[in-house]
Amino acid sequence: ITLQPQEFRLLEFLLNNAGQIVTRTMLLEGV
């Protein structure tokens, strides 16, 4: 799957928190 750099970062953040709900605020800060 080919991802743009920001999409890669977003998926990396989600995978680092796999099994947990990630909020919009967490994504805004973390990504």
PDB file of all heavy atoms in Angstrom:
ATOM      1  N   ILE A   1       0.863  -1.184   0.000  1.00  0.00           N
ATOM      2  CA  ILE A   1       0.000   0.000   0.000  1.00  0.00           C
ATOM      3  C   ILE A   1       0.900   1.234   0.000  1.00  0.00           C
ATOM      4  O   ILE A   1       1.739   1.395   0.883  1.00  0.00           O
ATOM      5  CB  ILE A   1      -0.927   0.017   1.228  1.00  0.00           C
ATOM      6  CG1 ILE A   1      -1.841  -1.217   1.210  1.00  0.00           C
ATOM      7  CG2 ILE A   1      -1.759   1.296   1.257  1.00  0.00           C
ATOM      8  CD1 ILE A   1      -2.624  -1.414   2.484  1.00  0.00           C
ATOM      9  N   THR A   2       0.718   2.076  -0.998  1.00  0.00           N
ATOM     10  CA  THR A   2       1.531   3.283  -1.126  1.00  0.00           C
ATOM     11  C   THR A   2       0.867   4.441  -0.386  1.00  0.00           C
ATOM     12  O   THR A   2      -0.284   4.783  -0.664  1.00  0.00           O
ATOM     13  CB  THR A   2       1.721   3.663  -2.602  1.00  0.00           C
ATOM     14  OG1 THR A   2       2.344   2.574  -3.295  1.00  0.00           O
ATOM     15  CG2 THR A   2       2.606   4.905  -2.724  1.00  0.00           C
ATOM     16  N   LEU A   3       1.598   5.030   0.569  1.00  0.00           N
ATOM     17  CA  LEU A   3       1.066   6.127   1.368  1.00  0.00           C
ATOM     18  C   LEU A   3       1.936   7.363   1.224  1.00  0.00           C
ATOM     19  O   LEU A   3       3.156   7.270   1.057  1.00  0.00           O
ATOM     20  CB  LEU A   3       0.999   5.736   2.854  1.00  0.00           C
ATOM     21  CG  LEU A   3       0.148   4.522   3.230  1.00  0.00           C
ATOM     22  CD1 LEU A   3       0.221   4.293   4.734  1.00  0.00           C
ATOM     23  CD2 LEU A   3      -1.298   4.714   2.792  1.00  0.00           C
ATOM     24  N   GLN A   4       1.298   8.529   1.313  1.00  0.00           N
ATOM     25  CA  GLN A   4       2.020   9.785   1.393  1.00  0.00           C
ATOM     26  C   GLN A   4       2.616   9.919   2.798  1.00  0.00           C
ATOM     27  O   GLN A   4       2.165   9.260   3.734  1.00  0.00           O
ATOM     28  CB  GLN A   4       1.082  10.958   1.093  1.00  0.00           C
ATOM     29  CG  GLN A   4       0.535  10.969  -0.330  1.00  0.00           C
ATOM     30  CD  GLN A   4       1.645  11.088  -1.354  1.00  0.00           C
ATOM     31  OE1 GLN A   4       2.544  11.907  -1.219  1.00  0.00           O
ATOM     32  NE2 GLN A   4       1.576  10.251  -2.393  1.00  0.00           N
ATOM     33  N   PRO A   5       3.672  10.753   2.970  1.00  0.00           N
ATOM     34  CA  PRO A   5       4.329  10.862   4.276  1.00  0.00           C
ATOM     35  C   PRO A   5       3.375  11.125   5.442  1.00  0.00           C
ATOM     36  O   PRO A   5       3.506  10.523   6.503  1.00  0.00           O
ATOM     37  CB  PRO A   5       5.302  12.029   4.073  1.00  0.00           C
ATOM     38  CG  PRO A   5       5.648  11.961   2.625  1.00  0.00           C
ATOM     39  CD  PRO A   5       4.378  11.554   1.942  1.00  0.00           C
ATOM     40  N   GLN A   6       2.392  12.028   5.245  1.00  0.00           N
ATOM     41  CA  GLN A   6       1.492  12.339   6.347  1.00  0.00           C
ATOM     42  C   GLN A   6       0.538  11.171   6.625  1.00  0.00           C
ATOM     43  O   GLN A   6       0.176  10.925   7.782  1.00  0.00           O
ATOM     44  CB  GLN A   6       0.692  13.609   6.035  1.00  0.00           C
ATOM     45  CG  GLN A   6       0.133  14.312   7.264  1.00  0.00           C
ATOM     46  CD  GLN A   6       1.223  14.913   8.142  1.00  0.00           C
ATOM     47  OE1 GLN A   6       2.341  15.149   7.698  1.00  0.00           O
ATOM     48  NE2 GLN A   6       0.918  15.164   9.401  1.00  0.00           N
ATOM     49  N   GLU A   7       0.154  10.435   5.589  1.00  0.00           N
ATOM     50  CA  GLU A   7      -0.683   9.250   5.778  1.00  0.00           C
ATOM     51  C   GLU A   7       0.101   8.180   6.527  1.00  0.00           C
ATOM     52  O   GLU A   7      -0.459   7.475   7.374  1.00  0.00           O
ATOM     53  CB  GLU A   7      -1.153   8.727   4.421  1.00  0.00           C
ATOM     54  CG  GLU A   7      -2.066   9.687   3.676  1.00  0.00           C
ATOM     55  CD  GLU A   7      -2.261   9.331   2.217  1.00  0.00           C
ATOM     56  OE1 GLU A   7      -1.491   8.512   1.676  1.00  0.00           O
ATOM     57  OE2 GLU A   7      -3.188   9.889   1.599  1.00  0.00           O
ATOM     58  N   PHE A   8       1.389   8.073   6.221  1.00  0.00           N
ATOM     59  CA  PHE A   8       2.248   7.115   6.923  1.00  0.00           C
ATOM     60  C   PHE A   8       2.320   7.459   8.404  1.00  0.00           C
ATOM     61  O   PHE A   8       2.210   6.585   9.272  1.00  0.00           O
ATOM     62  CB  PHE A   8       3.645   7.113   6.302  1.00  0.00           C
ATOM     63  CG  PHE A   8       4.529   5.996   6.775  1.00  0.00           C
ATOM     64  CD1 PHE A   8       4.618   4.810   6.069  1.00  0.00           C
ATOM     65  CD2 PHE A   8       5.286   6.136   7.938  1.00  0.00           C
ATOM     66  CE1 PHE A   8       5.436   3.773   6.508  1.00  0.00           C
ATOM     67  CE2 PHE A   8       6.099   5.114   8.387  1.00  0.00           C
ATOM     68  CZ  PHE A   8       6.188   3.929   7.670  1.00  0.00           C
ATOM     69  N   ARG A   9       2.514   8.738   8.720  1.00  0.00           N
ATOM     70  CA  ARG A   9       2.563   9.178  10.116  1.00  0.00           C
ATOM     71  C   ARG A   9       1.258   8.872  10.842  1.00  0.00           C
ATOM     72  O   ARG A   9       1.252   8.448  11.999  1.00  0.00           O
ATOM     73  CB  ARG A   9       2.834  10.677  10.189  1.00  0.00           C
ATOM     74  CG  ARG A   9       4.239  11.107   9.845  1.00  0.00           C
ATOM     75  CD  ARG A   9       4.391  12.586  10.122  1.00  0.00           C
ATOM     76  NE  ARG A   9       5.699  13.092   9.738  1.00  0.00           N
ATOM     77  CZ  ARG A   9       6.125  14.299  10.014  1.00  0.00           C
ATOM     78  NH1 ARG A   9       5.345  15.135  10.683  1.00  0.00           N
ATOM     79  NH2 ARG A   9       7.326  14.703   9.631  1.00  0.00           N
ATOM     80  N   LEU A  10       0.162   9.137  10.164  1.00  0.00           N
ATOM     81  CA  LEU A  10      -1.151   8.902  10.760  1.00  0.00           C
ATOM     82  C   LEU A  10      -1.345   7.423  11.071  1.00  0.00           C
ATOM     83  O   LEU A  10      -1.770   7.054  12.177  1.00  0.00           O
ATOM     84  CB  LEU A  10      -2.241   9.397   9.804  1.00  0.00           C
ATOM     85  CG  LEU A  10      -3.699   9.155  10.200  1.00  0.00           C
ATOM     86  CD1 LEU A  10      -4.006   9.751  11.561  1.00  0.00           C
ATOM     87  CD2 LEU A  10      -4.628   9.756   9.133  1.00  0.00           C
ATOM     88  N   LEU A  11      -1.009   6.562  10.115  1.00  0.00           N
ATOM     89  CA  LEU A  11      -1.152   5.123  10.341  1.00  0.00           C
ATOM     90  C   LEU A  11      -0.192   4.647  11.430  1.00  0.00           C
ATOM     91  O   LEU A  11      -0.563   3.811  12.265  1.00  0.00           O
ATOM     92  CB  LEU A  11      -0.898   4.361   9.041  1.00  0.00           C
ATOM     93  CG  LEU A  11      -1.016   2.838   9.135  1.00  0.00           C
ATOM     94  CD1 LEU A  11      -2.411   2.421   9.615  1.00  0.00           C
ATOM     95  CD2 LEU A  11      -0.691   2.186   7.792  1.00  0.00           C
ATOM     96  N   GLU A  12       1.019   5.194  11.447  1.00  0.00           N
ATOM     97  CA  GLU A  12       1.983   4.828  12.481  1.00  0.00           C
ATOM     98  C   GLU A  12       1.437   5.153  13.873  1.00  0.00           C
ATOM     99  O   GLU A  12       1.567   4.356  14.814  1.00  0.00           O
ATOM    100  CB  GLU A  12       3.305   5.556  12.246  1.00  0.00           C
ATOM    101  CG  GLU A  12       4.382   5.222  13.263  1.00  0.00           C
ATOM    102  CD  GLU A  12       5.683   5.982  13.022  1.00  0.00           C
ATOM    103  OE1 GLU A  12       5.750   6.732  12.031  1.00  0.00           O
ATOM    104  OE2 GLU A  12       6.619   5.838  13.836  1.00  0.00           O
ATOM    105  N   PHE A  13       0.816   6.320  14.007  1.00  0.00           N
ATOM    106  CA  PHE A  13       0.247   6.709  15.304  1.00  0.00           C
ATOM    107  C   PHE A  13      -0.879   5.752  15.701  1.00  0.00           C
ATOM    108  O   PHE A  13      -0.963   5.314  16.860  1.00  0.00           O
ATOM    109  CB  PHE A  13      -0.284   8.141  15.231  1.00  0.00           C
ATOM    110  CG  PHE A  13      -0.652   8.723  16.569  1.00  0.00           C
ATOM    111  CD1 PHE A  13       0.284   9.420  17.316  1.00  0.00           C
ATOM    112  CD2 PHE A  13      -1.921   8.564  17.091  1.00  0.00           C
ATOM    113  CE1 PHE A  13      -0.041   9.953  18.558  1.00  0.00           C
ATOM    114  CE2 PHE A  13      -2.261   9.097  18.326  1.00  0.00           C
ATOM    115  CZ  PHE A  13      -1.313   9.789  19.066  1.00  0.00           C
ATOM    116  N   LEU A  14      -1.728   5.411  14.743  1.00  0.00           N
ATOM    117  CA  LEU A  14      -2.834   4.489  15.029  1.00  0.00           C
ATOM    118  C   LEU A  14      -2.318   3.106  15.397  1.00  0.00           C
ATOM    119  O   LEU A  14      -2.831   2.465  16.329  1.00  0.00           O
ATOM    120  CB  LEU A  14      -3.765   4.402  13.817  1.00  0.00           C
ATOM    121  CG  LEU A  14      -4.595   5.652  13.505  1.00  0.00           C
ATOM    122  CD1 LEU A  14      -5.236   5.542  12.126  1.00  0.00           C
ATOM    123  CD2 LEU A  14      -5.665   5.881  14.571  1.00  0.00           C
ATOM    124  N   LEU A  15      -1.299   2.623  14.696  1.00  0.00           N
ATOM    125  CA  LEU A  15      -0.746   1.301  14.995  1.00  0.00           C
ATOM    126  C   LEU A  15      -0.032   1.283  16.335  1.00  0.00           C
ATOM    127  O   LEU A  15      -0.044   0.267  17.042  1.00  0.00           O
ATOM    128  CB  LEU A  15       0.210   0.866  13.885  1.00  0.00           C
ATOM    129  CG  LEU A  15      -0.437   0.460  12.552  1.00  0.00           C
ATOM    130  CD1 LEU A  15       0.632   0.204  11.496  1.00  0.00           C
ATOM    131  CD2 LEU A  15      -1.313  -0.781  12.734  1.00  0.00           C
ATOM    132  N   ASN A  16       0.600   2.382  16.688  1.00  0.00           N
ATOM    133  CA  ASN A  16       1.250   2.464  18.001  1.00  0.00           C
ATOM    134  C   ASN A  16       0.224   2.413  19.131  1.00  0.00           C
ATOM    135  O   ASN A  16       0.580   2.142  20.281  1.00  0.00           O
ATOM    136  CB  ASN A  16       2.069   3.750  18.116  1.00  0.00           C
ATOM    137  CG  ASN A  16       3.493   3.578  17.629  1.00  0.00           C
ATOM    138  OD1 ASN A  16       4.143   2.581  17.923  1.00  0.00           O
ATOM    139  ND2 ASN A  16       3.991   4.537  16.872  1.00  0.00           N
ATOM    140  N   ASN A  17      -1.039   2.727  18.795  1.00  0.00           N
ATOM    141  CA  ASN A  17      -2.124   2.692  19.783  1.00  0.00           C
ATOM    142  C   ASN A  17      -3.178   1.646  19.408  1.00  0.00           C
ATOM    143  O   ASN A  17      -4.351   1.805  19.725  1.00  0.00           O
ATOM    144  CB  ASN A  17      -2.775   4.073  19.879  1.00  0.00           C
ATOM    145  CG  ASN A  17      -1.842   5.121  20.457  1.00  0.00           C
ATOM    146  OD1 ASN A  17      -1.698   5.248  21.661  1.00  0.00           O
ATOM    147  ND2 ASN A  17      -1.174   5.859  19.573  1.00  0.00           N
ATOM    148  N   ALA A  18      -2.742   0.596  18.711  1.00  0.00           N
ATOM    149  CA  ALA A  18      -3.672  -0.450  18.261  1.00  0.00           C
ATOM    150  C   ALA A  18      -4.442  -1.024  19.441  1.00  0.00           C
ATOM    151  O   ALA A  18      -3.892  -1.272  20.517  1.00  0.00           O
ATOM    152  CB  ALA A  18      -2.912  -1.557  17.541  1.00  0.00           C
ATOM    153  N   GLY A  19      -5.746  -1.203  19.228  1.00  0.00           N
ATOM    154  CA  GLY A  19      -6.613  -1.736  20.277  1.00  0.00           C
ATOM    155  C   GLY A  19      -7.153  -0.670  21.208  1.00  0.00           C
ATOM    156  O   GLY A  19      -7.957  -0.971  22.099  1.00  0.00           O
ATOM    157  N   GLN A  20      -6.735   0.588  21.008  1.00  0.00           N
ATOM    158  CA  GLN A  20      -7.204   1.688  21.847  1.00  0.00           C
ATOM    159  C   GLN A  20      -7.875   2.754  20.979  1.00  0.00           C
ATOM    160  O   GLN A  20      -7.477   2.977  19.831  1.00  0.00           O
ATOM    161  CB  GLN A  20      -6.033   2.339  22.588  1.00  0.00           C
ATOM    162  CG  GLN A  20      -5.208   1.381  23.427  1.00  0.00           C
ATOM    163  CD  GLN A  20      -4.000   2.080  24.037  1.00  0.00           C
ATOM    164  OE1 GLN A  20      -4.116   3.145  24.636  1.00  0.00           O
ATOM    165  NE2 GLN A  20      -2.834   1.499  23.876  1.00  0.00           N
ATOM    166  N   ILE A  21      -8.868   3.401  21.530  1.00  0.00           N
ATOM    167  CA  ILE A  21      -9.531   4.491  20.817  1.00  0.00           C
ATOM    168  C   ILE A  21      -8.609   5.709  20.811  1.00  0.00           C
ATOM    169  O   ILE A  21      -8.078   6.110  21.849  1.00  0.00           O
ATOM    170  CB  ILE A  21     -10.876   4.852  21.474  1.00  0.00           C
ATOM    171  CG1 ILE A  21     -11.861   3.686  21.351  1.00  0.00           C
ATOM    172  CG2 ILE A  21     -11.473   6.107  20.836  1.00  0.00           C
ATOM    173  CD1 ILE A  21     -13.166   3.901  22.095  1.00  0.00           C
ATOM    174  N   VAL A  22      -8.399   6.275  19.633  1.00  0.00           N
ATOM    175  CA  VAL A  22      -7.573   7.462  19.476  1.00  0.00           C
ATOM    176  C   VAL A  22      -8.493   8.631  19.133  1.00  0.00           C
ATOM    177  O   VAL A  22      -9.225   8.583  18.145  1.00  0.00           O
ATOM    178  CB  VAL A  22      -6.526   7.269  18.355  1.00  0.00           C
ATOM    179  CG1 VAL A  22      -5.734   8.540  18.146  1.00  0.00           C
ATOM    180  CG2 VAL A  22      -5.608   6.106  18.692  1.00  0.00           C
ATOM    181  N   THR A  23      -8.464   9.667  19.937  1.00  0.00           N
ATOM    182  CA  THR A  23      -9.366  10.800  19.735  1.00  0.00           C
ATOM    183  C   THR A  23      -8.814  11.763  18.686  1.00  0.00           C
ATOM    184  O   THR A  23      -7.631  11.721  18.329  1.00  0.00           O
ATOM    185  CB  THR A  23      -9.586  11.579  21.036  1.00  0.00           C
ATOM    186  OG1 THR A  23      -8.350  12.211  21.413  1.00  0.00           O
ATOM    187  CG2 THR A  23     -10.043  10.648  22.152  1.00  0.00           C
ATOM    188  N   ARG A  24      -9.680  12.652  18.219  1.00  0.00           N
ATOM    189  CA  ARG A  24      -9.272  13.668  17.263  1.00  0.00           C
ATOM    190  C   ARG A  24      -8.178  14.560  17.861  1.00  0.00           C
ATOM    191  O   ARG A  24      -7.215  14.916  17.175  1.00  0.00           O
ATOM    192  CB  ARG A  24     -10.487  14.514  16.863  1.00  0.00           C
ATOM    193  CG  ARG A  24     -10.221  15.563  15.794  1.00  0.00           C
ATOM    194  CD  ARG A  24     -11.517  16.243  15.377  1.00  0.00           C
ATOM    195  NE  ARG A  24     -11.311  17.175  14.269  1.00  0.00           N
ATOM    196  CZ  ARG A  24     -10.919  18.425  14.409  1.00  0.00           C
ATOM    197  NH1 ARG A  24     -10.692  18.908  15.635  1.00  0.00           N
ATOM    198  NH2 ARG A  24     -10.746  19.206  13.358  1.00  0.00           N
ATOM    199  N   THR A  25      -8.328  14.918  19.129  1.00  0.00           N
ATOM    200  CA  THR A  25      -7.332  15.760  19.796  1.00  0.00           C
ATOM    201  C   THR A  25      -5.980  15.062  19.865  1.00  0.00           C
ATOM    202  O   THR A  25      -4.933  15.679  19.632  1.00  0.00           O
ATOM    203  CB  THR A  25      -7.794  16.121  21.217  1.00  0.00           C
ATOM    204  OG1 THR A  25      -9.010  16.863  21.139  1.00  0.00           O
ATOM    205  CG2 THR A  25      -6.749  16.960  21.941  1.00  0.00           C
ATOM    206  N   MET A  26      -5.983  13.764  20.151  1.00  0.00           N
ATOM    207  CA  MET A  26      -4.739  13.001  20.191  1.00  0.00           C
ATOM    208  C   MET A  26      -4.049  13.008  18.834  1.00  0.00           C
ATOM    209  O   MET A  26      -2.824  13.134  18.743  1.00  0.00           O
ATOM    210  CB  MET A  26      -5.019  11.573  20.644  1.00  0.00           C
ATOM    211  CG  MET A  26      -5.415  11.441  22.105  1.00  0.00           C
ATOM    212  SD  MET A  26      -6.021   9.773  22.515  1.00  0.00           S
ATOM    213  CE  MET A  26      -4.541   8.786  22.236  1.00  0.00           C
ATOM    214  N   LEU A  27      -4.836  12.881  17.774  1.00  0.00           N
ATOM    215  CA  LEU A  27      -4.263  12.883  16.425  1.00  0.00           C
ATOM    216  C   LEU A  27      -3.728  14.257  16.056  1.00  0.00           C
ATOM    217  O   LEU A  27      -2.657  14.374  15.454  1.00  0.00           O
ATOM    218  CB  LEU A  27      -5.314  12.427  15.407  1.00  0.00           C
ATOM    219  CG  LEU A  27      -5.706  10.950  15.491  1.00  0.00           C
ATOM    220  CD1 LEU A  27      -6.873  10.653  14.564  1.00  0.00           C
ATOM    221  CD2 LEU A  27      -4.508  10.061  15.143  1.00  0.00           C
ATOM    222  N   LEU A  28      -4.462  15.315  16.404  1.00  0.00           N
ATOM    223  CA  LEU A  28      -3.997  16.671  16.110  1.00  0.00           C
ATOM    224  C   LEU A  28      -2.646  16.928  16.781  1.00  0.00           C
ATOM    225  O   LEU A  28      -1.752  17.530  16.184  1.00  0.00           O
ATOM    226  CB  LEU A  28      -5.022  17.699  16.582  1.00  0.00           C
ATOM    227  CG  LEU A  28      -6.277  17.860  15.721  1.00  0.00           C
ATOM    228  CD1 LEU A  28      -7.297  18.750  16.434  1.00  0.00           C
ATOM    229  CD2 LEU A  28      -5.927  18.470  14.363  1.00  0.00           C
ATOM    230  N   GLU A  29      -2.492  16.472  18.017  1.00  0.00           N
ATOM    231  CA  GLU A  29      -1.249  16.705  18.741  1.00  0.00           C
ATOM    232  C   GLU A  29      -0.146  15.748  18.299  1.00  0.00           C
ATOM    233  O   GLU A  29       0.992  16.155  18.086  1.00  0.00           O
ATOM    234  CB  GLU A  29      -1.481  16.555  20.245  1.00  0.00           C
ATOM    235  CG  GLU A  29      -2.353  17.648  20.844  1.00  0.00           C
ATOM    236  CD  GLU A  29      -2.416  17.574  22.357  1.00  0.00           C
ATOM    237  OE1 GLU A  29      -1.966  16.559  22.925  1.00  0.00           O
ATOM    238  OE2 GLU A  29      -2.904  18.538  22.974  1.00  0.00           O
ATOM    239  N   GLY A  30      -0.490  14.465  18.163  1.00  0.00           N
ATOM    240  CA  GLY A  30       0.519  13.450  17.887  1.00  0.00           C
ATOM    241  C   GLY A  30       1.001  13.400  16.452  1.00  0.00           C
ATOM    242  O   GLY A  30       2.149  13.036  16.193  1.00  0.00           O
ATOM    243  N   VAL A  31       0.142  13.744  15.505  1.00  0.00           N
ATOM    244  CA  VAL A  31       0.496  13.647  14.086  1.00  0.00           C
ATOM    245  C   VAL A  31       0.829  15.008  13.491  1.00  0.00           C
ATOM    246  O   VAL A  31       1.790  15.151  12.734  1.00  0.00           O
ATOM    247  CB  VAL A  31      -0.647  12.980  13.285  1.00  0.00           C
ATOM    248  CG1 VAL A  31      -0.288  12.885  11.804  1.00  0.00           C
ATOM    249  CG2 VAL A  31      -0.951  11.596  13.854  1.00  0.00           C
TER     250      VAL A  31
END
